[in-house]
């Protein structure tokens, strides 16, 4: 246990559906490409028939004459969680370091963060560029050869950006959050991640928005003694030993 005077929090946050109120990456392809084709591809991914990088490559290759101007207009309609600004301010006030870890693309993440004045948050994501024929060119700088699920290995970011002397926290909602959440001390979960935690009997805090997260953070900060999650410690140790 670590007492309240000697605790430091590292906070890892998913982007699509967690910070934003909708899955921007998914809507990008459903709205600006062949909807039926992409719905089928997403269903195959959800069934575990392909990895995230395979899914992104497949949908990008099937997208032609991508209208960046209309996409930029679409991004202006994307809303973020009503309390996320307050949460960022709360973490800044108390010295809690934030990281955004996303299996989506930097192109829209950076634009939304810039619009919201949140570009200073350190972000790890996949990358997206365009060629002269308006084709989408994805790249995956943070993939892991041992992982056959995610394009951006969030687990690696959690481990490399935190230590066993700190408390690590994960906030997410989707399938790409299942792996990294297992390596942290506290999990805030909703939707798919919540169901995963329940099925696998992993302790978590349910949340609807970042107002809920802030209230629970206050409870954690004010506890005289705070215990790290033992299963997360063991999983992190296994990764260290493999490395």
Foldseek 3Di string as FASTA:
>chain_A
DDFLVQAAEEEEEEPACAFWVHRLQLVLLCPFFVNVVLVVLVVCLVVVVAALVVSVVVSLVRGFPGDVVVSVVVLVPIGTFPCVVVVVVVCVVVVHAYEYEYLGEPVSVCVNCVVVVNNVHHYDYWYWDADPRRGIDTGQPQADPVDGHGSHQVLVVQLVVDDPSHAYEYEDEDDSVCVNRQQGQAYEYDHPNVVSCVVVVNDYHYDDGCVSVVVVVVVQSPDRDDDGDPRNVVVSVVVVVVD
